[in-house]
Amino acid sequence: MPAKKPINENIHYLHGQIDGLAQLVLALASCTVDMDEFRDEGLKRLETLEGALLAEATPEDRLTGLAHIRTWFDAAT
């Protein structure tokens, strides 16, 4: 029987955790602020993070991950 991967190396587990956290963030946002305000603040924070990452030596996979989050955020809001 093959050894199980540690949880932090199981991509399907990590994606499930991310999906769940994303839904909780959206639920929290819908209860606390106007959705347009949430969208504007989220986009501003993503752009700031992207700028900071581009200003330093950042692995391409990390930038790709950030781009996927932005795509998700655009679709979700």
PDB file of N, CA and C in Angstrom:
ATOM      1  N   MET A   1       0.843  -1.174   0.000  1.00  0.00           N
ATOM      2  CA  MET A   1       0.000   0.000   0.000  1.00  0.00           C
ATOM      3  C   MET A   1       0.895   1.246   0.000  1.00  0.00           C
ATOM      4  N   PRO A   2       0.690   2.160  -0.959  1.00  0.00           N
ATOM      5  CA  PRO A   2       1.532   3.355  -1.009  1.00  0.00           C
ATOM      6  C   PRO A   2       1.272   4.253   0.199  1.00  0.00           C
ATOM      7  N   ALA A   3       2.330   4.918   0.622  1.00  0.00           N
ATOM      8  CA  ALA A   3       2.202   5.841   1.760  1.00  0.00           C
ATOM      9  C   ALA A   3       1.367   7.046   1.341  1.00  0.00           C
ATOM     10  N   LYS A   4       0.538   7.519   2.269  1.00  0.00           N
ATOM     11  CA  LYS A   4      -0.262   8.713   1.989  1.00  0.00           C
ATOM     12  C   LYS A   4       0.639   9.949   2.020  1.00  0.00           C
ATOM     13  N   LYS A   5       0.349  10.869   1.118  1.00  0.00           N
ATOM     14  CA  LYS A   5       1.071  12.137   1.121  1.00  0.00           C
ATOM     15  C   LYS A   5       0.647  12.947   2.336  1.00  0.00           C
ATOM     16  N   PRO A   6       1.556  13.747   2.873  1.00  0.00           N
ATOM     17  CA  PRO A   6       1.137  14.671   3.926  1.00  0.00           C
ATOM     18  C   PRO A   6       0.056  15.608   3.384  1.00  0.00           C
ATOM     19  N   ILE A   7      -0.834  16.045   4.236  1.00  0.00           N
ATOM     20  CA  ILE A   7      -1.958  16.879   3.796  1.00  0.00           C
ATOM     21  C   ILE A   7      -1.485  18.091   3.010  1.00  0.00           C
ATOM     22  N   ASN A   8      -0.391  18.712   3.449  1.00  0.00           N
ATOM     23  CA  ASN A   8       0.061  19.926   2.764  1.00  0.00           C
ATOM     24  C   ASN A   8       0.626  19.656   1.370  1.00  0.00           C
ATOM     25  N   GLU A   9       0.778  18.394   0.978  1.00  0.00           N
ATOM     26  CA  GLU A   9       1.246  18.046  -0.362  1.00  0.00           C
ATOM     27  C   GLU A   9       0.130  17.457  -1.229  1.00  0.00           C
ATOM     28  N   ASN A  10      -1.058  17.336  -0.687  1.00  0.00           N
ATOM     29  CA  ASN A  10      -2.189  16.790  -1.434  1.00  0.00           C
ATOM     30  C   ASN A  10      -2.933  17.944  -2.090  1.00  0.00           C
ATOM     31  N   ILE A  11      -2.733  18.128  -3.384  1.00  0.00           N
ATOM     32  CA  ILE A  11      -3.282  19.280  -4.101  1.00  0.00           C
ATOM     33  C   ILE A  11      -4.808  19.315  -4.041  1.00  0.00           C
ATOM     34  N   HIS A  12      -5.453  18.158  -4.053  1.00  0.00           N
ATOM     35  CA  HIS A  12      -6.911  18.150  -4.001  1.00  0.00           C
ATOM     36  C   HIS A  12      -7.410  18.621  -2.643  1.00  0.00           C
ATOM     37  N   TYR A  13      -6.731  18.229  -1.591  1.00  0.00           N
ATOM     38  CA  TYR A  13      -7.074  18.698  -0.246  1.00  0.00           C
ATOM     39  C   TYR A  13      -6.899  20.211  -0.165  1.00  0.00           C
ATOM     40  N   LEU A  14      -5.762  20.708  -0.660  1.00  0.00           N
ATOM     41  CA  LEU A  14      -5.501  22.143  -0.615  1.00  0.00           C
ATOM     42  C   LEU A  14      -6.539  22.927  -1.407  1.00  0.00           C
ATOM     43  N   HIS A  15      -6.922  22.428  -2.563  1.00  0.00           N
ATOM     44  CA  HIS A  15      -7.938  23.110  -3.368  1.00  0.00           C
ATOM     45  C   HIS A  15      -9.273  23.121  -2.636  1.00  0.00           C
ATOM     46  N   GLY A  16      -9.608  22.029  -1.966  1.00  0.00           N
ATOM     47  CA  GLY A  16     -10.839  21.982  -1.184  1.00  0.00           C
ATOM     48  C   GLY A  16     -10.821  23.004  -0.063  1.00  0.00           C
ATOM     49  N   GLN A  17      -9.684  23.119   0.610  1.00  0.00           N
ATOM     50  CA  GLN A  17      -9.544  24.105   1.676  1.00  0.00           C
ATOM     51  C   GLN A  17      -9.687  25.523   1.114  1.00  0.00           C
ATOM     52  N   ILE A  18      -9.044  25.791   0.005  1.00  0.00           N
ATOM     53  CA  ILE A  18      -9.117  27.116  -0.612  1.00  0.00           C
ATOM     54  C   ILE A  18     -10.541  27.429  -1.042  1.00  0.00           C
ATOM     55  N   ASP A  19     -11.215  26.471  -1.670  1.00  0.00           N
ATOM     56  CA  ASP A  19     -12.602  26.684  -2.099  1.00  0.00           C
ATOM     57  C   ASP A  19     -13.498  27.000  -0.913  1.00  0.00           C
ATOM     58  N   GLY A  20     -13.332  26.250   0.168  1.00  0.00           N
ATOM     59  CA  GLY A  20     -14.143  26.478   1.359  1.00  0.00           C
ATOM     60  C   GLY A  20     -13.872  27.837   1.982  1.00  0.00           C
ATOM     61  N   LEU A  21     -12.600  28.204   2.102  1.00  0.00           N
ATOM     62  CA  LEU A  21     -12.248  29.506   2.658  1.00  0.00           C
ATOM     63  C   LEU A  21     -12.758  30.652   1.785  1.00  0.00           C
ATOM     64  N   ALA A  22     -12.693  30.466   0.491  1.00  0.00           N
ATOM     65  CA  ALA A  22     -13.189  31.498  -0.417  1.00  0.00           C
ATOM     66  C   ALA A  22     -14.680  31.745  -0.190  1.00  0.00           C
ATOM     67  N   GLN A  23     -15.446  30.682  -0.029  1.00  0.00           N
ATOM     68  CA  GLN A  23     -16.876  30.847   0.197  1.00  0.00           C
ATOM     69  C   GLN A  23     -17.154  31.513   1.539  1.00  0.00           C
ATOM     70  N   LEU A  24     -16.364  31.193   2.550  1.00  0.00           N
ATOM     71  CA  LEU A  24     -16.538  31.833   3.848  1.00  0.00           C
ATOM     72  C   LEU A  24     -16.192  33.321   3.792  1.00  0.00           C
ATOM     73  N   VAL A  25     -15.158  33.674   3.032  1.00  0.00           N
ATOM     74  CA  VAL A  25     -14.795  35.084   2.868  1.00  0.00           C
ATOM     75  C   VAL A  25     -15.925  35.843   2.185  1.00  0.00           C
ATOM     76  N   LEU A  26     -16.497  35.251   1.143  1.00  0.00           N
ATOM     77  CA  LEU A  26     -17.603  35.910   0.447  1.00  0.00           C
ATOM     78  C   LEU A  26     -18.820  36.045   1.353  1.00  0.00           C
ATOM     79  N   ALA A  27     -19.096  35.029   2.148  1.00  0.00           N
ATOM     80  CA  ALA A  27     -20.223  35.094   3.075  1.00  0.00           C
ATOM     81  C   ALA A  27     -20.005  36.209   4.092  1.00  0.00           C
ATOM     82  N   LEU A  28     -18.803  36.290   4.627  1.00  0.00           N
ATOM     83  CA  LEU A  28     -18.481  37.335   5.594  1.00  0.00           C
ATOM     84  C   LEU A  28     -18.611  38.718   4.959  1.00  0.00           C
ATOM     85  N   ALA A  29     -18.089  38.849   3.767  1.00  0.00           N
ATOM     86  CA  ALA A  29     -18.146  40.135   3.075  1.00  0.00           C
ATOM     87  C   ALA A  29     -19.585  40.560   2.820  1.00  0.00           C
ATOM     88  N   SER A  30     -20.436  39.620   2.444  1.00  0.00           N
ATOM     89  CA  SER A  30     -21.825  39.980   2.145  1.00  0.00           C
ATOM     90  C   SER A  30     -22.584  40.401   3.397  1.00  0.00           C
ATOM     91  N   CYS A  31     -22.110  39.988   4.558  1.00  0.00           N
ATOM     92  CA  CYS A  31     -22.755  40.354   5.819  1.00  0.00           C
ATOM     93  C   CYS A  31     -22.223  41.660   6.397  1.00  0.00           C
ATOM     94  N   THR A  32     -21.075  42.092   5.973  1.00  0.00           N
ATOM     95  CA  THR A  32     -20.436  43.228   6.639  1.00  0.00           C
ATOM     96  C   THR A  32     -20.300  44.479   5.782  1.00  0.00           C
ATOM     97  N   VAL A  33     -20.176  44.339   4.469  1.00  0.00           N
ATOM     98  CA  VAL A  33     -20.000  45.516   3.610  1.00  0.00           C
ATOM     99  C   VAL A  33     -20.801  45.348   2.332  1.00  0.00           C
ATOM    100  N   ASP A  34     -20.996  46.455   1.678  1.00  0.00           N
ATOM    101  CA  ASP A  34     -21.627  46.459   0.365  1.00  0.00           C
ATOM    102  C   ASP A  34     -20.738  45.683  -0.615  1.00  0.00           C
ATOM    103  N   MET A  35     -21.326  44.892  -1.489  1.00  0.00           N
ATOM    104  CA  MET A  35     -20.546  44.051  -2.403  1.00  0.00           C
ATOM    105  C   MET A  35     -19.656  44.886  -3.322  1.00  0.00           C
ATOM    106  N   ASP A  36     -20.113  46.057  -3.749  1.00  0.00           N
ATOM    107  CA  ASP A  36     -19.261  46.904  -4.595  1.00  0.00           C
ATOM    108  C   ASP A  36     -18.040  47.394  -3.829  1.00  0.00           C
ATOM    109  N   GLU A  37     -18.239  47.742  -2.561  1.00  0.00           N
ATOM    110  CA  GLU A  37     -17.131  48.178  -1.718  1.00  0.00           C
ATOM    111  C   GLU A  37     -16.136  47.029  -1.522  1.00  0.00           C
ATOM    112  N   PHE A  38     -16.660  45.833  -1.291  1.00  0.00           N
ATOM    113  CA  PHE A  38     -15.815  44.651  -1.137  1.00  0.00           C
ATOM    114  C   PHE A  38     -15.012  44.392  -2.409  1.00  0.00           C
ATOM    115  N   ARG A  39     -15.678  44.492  -3.559  1.00  0.00           N
ATOM    116  CA  ARG A  39     -14.999  44.263  -4.835  1.00  0.00           C
ATOM    117  C   ARG A  39     -13.882  45.287  -5.052  1.00  0.00           C
ATOM    118  N   ASP A  40     -14.172  46.557  -4.810  1.00  0.00           N
ATOM    119  CA  ASP A  40     -13.171  47.607  -5.003  1.00  0.00           C
ATOM    120  C   ASP A  40     -11.962  47.400  -4.091  1.00  0.00           C
ATOM    121  N   GLU A  41     -12.225  47.103  -2.827  1.00  0.00           N
ATOM    122  CA  GLU A  41     -11.133  46.900  -1.868  1.00  0.00           C
ATOM    123  C   GLU A  41     -10.331  45.650  -2.231  1.00  0.00           C
ATOM    124  N   GLY A  42     -11.026  44.587  -2.637  1.00  0.00           N
ATOM    125  CA  GLY A  42     -10.344  43.355  -3.031  1.00  0.00           C
ATOM    126  C   GLY A  42      -9.440  43.555  -4.233  1.00  0.00           C
ATOM    127  N   LEU A  43      -9.952  44.254  -5.243  1.00  0.00           N
ATOM    128  CA  LEU A  43      -9.143  44.517  -6.438  1.00  0.00           C
ATOM    129  C   LEU A  43      -7.925  45.367  -6.097  1.00  0.00           C
ATOM    130  N   LYS A  44      -8.123  46.359  -5.246  1.00  0.00           N
ATOM    131  CA  LYS A  44      -7.011  47.225  -4.835  1.00  0.00           C
ATOM    132  C   LYS A  44      -5.926  46.400  -4.131  1.00  0.00           C
ATOM    133  N   ARG A  45      -6.349  45.503  -3.227  1.00  0.00           N
ATOM    134  CA  ARG A  45      -5.385  44.685  -2.496  1.00  0.00           C
ATOM    135  C   ARG A  45      -4.673  43.693  -3.418  1.00  0.00           C
ATOM    136  N   LEU A  46      -5.400  43.107  -4.366  1.00  0.00           N
ATOM    137  CA  LEU A  46      -4.771  42.177  -5.305  1.00  0.00           C
ATOM    138  C   LEU A  46      -3.752  42.904  -6.180  1.00  0.00           C
ATOM    139  N   GLU A  47      -4.086  44.106  -6.634  1.00  0.00           N
ATOM    140  CA  GLU A  47      -3.158  44.882  -7.461  1.00  0.00           C
ATOM    141  C   GLU A  47      -1.902  45.266  -6.672  1.00  0.00           C
ATOM    142  N   THR A  48      -2.068  45.628  -5.396  1.00  0.00           N
ATOM    143  CA  THR A  48      -0.925  45.969  -4.550  1.00  0.00           C
ATOM    144  C   THR A  48      -0.021  44.759  -4.364  1.00  0.00           C
ATOM    145  N   LEU A  49      -0.630  43.609  -4.101  1.00  0.00           N
ATOM    146  CA  LEU A  49       0.146  42.383  -3.938  1.00  0.00           C
ATOM    147  C   LEU A  49       0.881  42.029  -5.224  1.00  0.00           C
ATOM    148  N   GLU A  50       0.196  42.124  -6.341  1.00  0.00           N
ATOM    149  CA  GLU A  50       0.820  41.808  -7.625  1.00  0.00           C
ATOM    150  C   GLU A  50       2.016  42.727  -7.882  1.00  0.00           C
ATOM    151  N   GLY A  51       1.855  44.010  -7.609  1.00  0.00           N
ATOM    152  CA  GLY A  51       2.954  44.955  -7.798  1.00  0.00           C
ATOM    153  C   GLY A  51       4.148  44.618  -6.923  1.00  0.00           C
ATOM    154  N   ALA A  52       3.878  44.261  -5.668  1.00  0.00           N
ATOM    155  CA  ALA A  52       4.958  43.901  -4.752  1.00  0.00           C
ATOM    156  C   ALA A  52       5.676  42.640  -5.220  1.00  0.00           C
ATOM    157  N   LEU A  53       4.913  41.660  -5.696  1.00  0.00           N
ATOM    158  CA  LEU A  53       5.532  40.415  -6.165  1.00  0.00           C
ATOM    159  C   LEU A  53       6.342  40.626  -7.431  1.00  0.00           C
ATOM    160  N   LEU A  54       5.860  41.483  -8.313  1.00  0.00           N
ATOM    161  CA  LEU A  54       6.589  41.746  -9.552  1.00  0.00           C
ATOM    162  C   LEU A  54       7.868  42.535  -9.296  1.00  0.00           C
ATOM    163  N   ALA A  55       7.930  43.263  -8.192  1.00  0.00           N
ATOM    164  CA  ALA A  55       9.109  44.063  -7.858  1.00  0.00           C
ATOM    165  C   ALA A  55      10.245  43.225  -7.273  1.00  0.00           C
ATOM    166  N   GLU A  56       9.956  41.973  -6.964  1.00  0.00           N
ATOM    167  CA  GLU A  56      10.989  41.093  -6.418  1.00  0.00           C
ATOM    168  C   GLU A  56      11.053  39.813  -7.241  1.00  0.00           C
ATOM    169  N   ALA A  57      12.046  39.021  -6.994  1.00  0.00           N
ATOM    170  CA  ALA A  57      12.189  37.743  -7.699  1.00  0.00           C
ATOM    171  C   ALA A  57      11.130  36.779  -7.162  1.00  0.00           C
ATOM    172  N   THR A  58      10.081  36.590  -7.933  1.00  0.00           N
ATOM    173  CA  THR A  58       8.953  35.758  -7.509  1.00  0.00           C
ATOM    174  C   THR A  58       8.802  34.589  -8.477  1.00  0.00           C
ATOM    175  N   PRO A  59       8.642  33.378  -7.957  1.00  0.00           N
ATOM    176  CA  PRO A  59       8.440  32.226  -8.843  1.00  0.00           C
ATOM    177  C   PRO A  59       7.185  32.407  -9.712  1.00  0.00           C
ATOM    178  N   GLU A  60       7.284  31.950 -10.932  1.00  0.00           N
ATOM    179  CA  GLU A  60       6.182  32.074 -11.886  1.00  0.00           C
ATOM    180  C   GLU A  60       4.909  31.397 -11.373  1.00  0.00           C
ATOM    181  N   ASP A  61       5.056  30.267 -10.687  1.00  0.00           N
ATOM    182  CA  ASP A  61       3.879  29.565 -10.159  1.00  0.00           C
ATOM    183  C   ASP A  61       3.116  30.421  -9.156  1.00  0.00           C
ATOM    184  N   ARG A  62       3.838  31.208  -8.376  1.00  0.00           N
ATOM    185  CA  ARG A  62       3.161  32.077  -7.407  1.00  0.00           C
ATOM    186  C   ARG A  62       2.370  33.161  -8.127  1.00  0.00           C
ATOM    187  N   LEU A  63       2.932  33.724  -9.178  1.00  0.00           N
ATOM    188  CA  LEU A  63       2.221  34.728  -9.964  1.00  0.00           C
ATOM    189  C   LEU A  63       1.012  34.120 -10.668  1.00  0.00           C
ATOM    190  N   THR A  64       1.163  32.898 -11.137  1.00  0.00           N
ATOM    191  CA  THR A  64       0.037  32.198 -11.767  1.00  0.00           C
ATOM    192  C   THR A  64      -1.072  31.963 -10.754  1.00  0.00           C
ATOM    193  N   GLY A  65      -0.699  31.561  -9.553  1.00  0.00           N
ATOM    194  CA  GLY A  65      -1.695  31.367  -8.493  1.00  0.00           C
ATOM    195  C   GLY A  65      -2.445  32.647  -8.195  1.00  0.00           C
ATOM    196  N   LEU A  66      -1.735  33.762  -8.141  1.00  0.00           N
ATOM    197  CA  LEU A  66      -2.372  35.050  -7.903  1.00  0.00           C
ATOM    198  C   LEU A  66      -3.312  35.407  -9.057  1.00  0.00           C
ATOM    199  N   ALA A  67      -2.896  35.141 -10.278  1.00  0.00           N
ATOM    200  CA  ALA A  67      -3.759  35.417 -11.440  1.00  0.00           C
ATOM    201  C   ALA A  67      -5.037  34.584 -11.371  1.00  0.00           C
ATOM    202  N   HIS A  68      -4.928  33.340 -10.922  1.00  0.00           N
ATOM    203  CA  HIS A  68      -6.123  32.492 -10.793  1.00  0.00           C
ATOM    204  C   HIS A  68      -7.059  33.023  -9.715  1.00  0.00           C
ATOM    205  N   ILE A  69      -6.498  33.528  -8.622  1.00  0.00           N
ATOM    206  CA  ILE A  69      -7.330  34.120  -7.570  1.00  0.00           C
ATOM    207  C   ILE A  69      -8.062  35.342  -8.114  1.00  0.00           C
ATOM    208  N   ARG A  70      -7.363  36.143  -8.895  1.00  0.00           N
ATOM    209  CA  ARG A  70      -8.008  37.332  -9.467  1.00  0.00           C
ATOM    210  C   ARG A  70      -9.131  36.938 -10.425  1.00  0.00           C
ATOM    211  N   THR A  71      -8.913  35.918 -11.223  1.00  0.00           N
ATOM    212  CA  THR A  71      -9.967  35.435 -12.122  1.00  0.00           C
ATOM    213  C   THR A  71     -11.172  34.955 -11.324  1.00  0.00           C
ATOM    214  N   TRP A  72     -10.913  34.196 -10.263  1.00  0.00           N
ATOM    215  CA  TRP A  72     -11.996  33.735  -9.406  1.00  0.00           C
ATOM    216  C   TRP A  72     -12.738  34.913  -8.781  1.00  0.00           C
ATOM    217  N   PHE A  73     -11.982  35.887  -8.269  1.00  0.00           N
ATOM    218  CA  PHE A  73     -12.580  37.046  -7.614  1.00  0.00           C
ATOM    219  C   PHE A  73     -13.460  37.820  -8.588  1.00  0.00           C
ATOM    220  N   ASP A  74     -12.982  38.011  -9.803  1.00  0.00           N
ATOM    221  CA  ASP A  74     -13.781  38.702 -10.821  1.00  0.00           C
ATOM    222  C   ASP A  74     -15.099  37.971 -11.074  1.00  0.00           C
ATOM    223  N   ALA A  75     -15.030  36.653 -11.164  1.00  0.00           N
ATOM    224  CA  ALA A  75     -16.236  35.871 -11.430  1.00  0.00           C
ATOM    225  C   ALA A  75     -17.179  35.837 -10.216  1.00  0.00           C
ATOM    226  N   ALA A  76     -16.615  35.821  -9.015  1.00  0.00           N
ATOM    227  CA  ALA A  76     -17.422  35.697  -7.798  1.00  0.00           C
ATOM    228  C   ALA A  76     -18.082  36.999  -7.397  1.00  0.00           C
ATOM    229  N   THR A  77     -17.485  38.121  -7.775  1.00  0.00           N
ATOM    230  CA  THR A  77     -18.039  39.413  -7.356  1.00  0.00           C
ATOM    231  C   THR A  77     -18.615  40.138  -8.533  1.00  0.00           C
TER     232      THR A  77
END
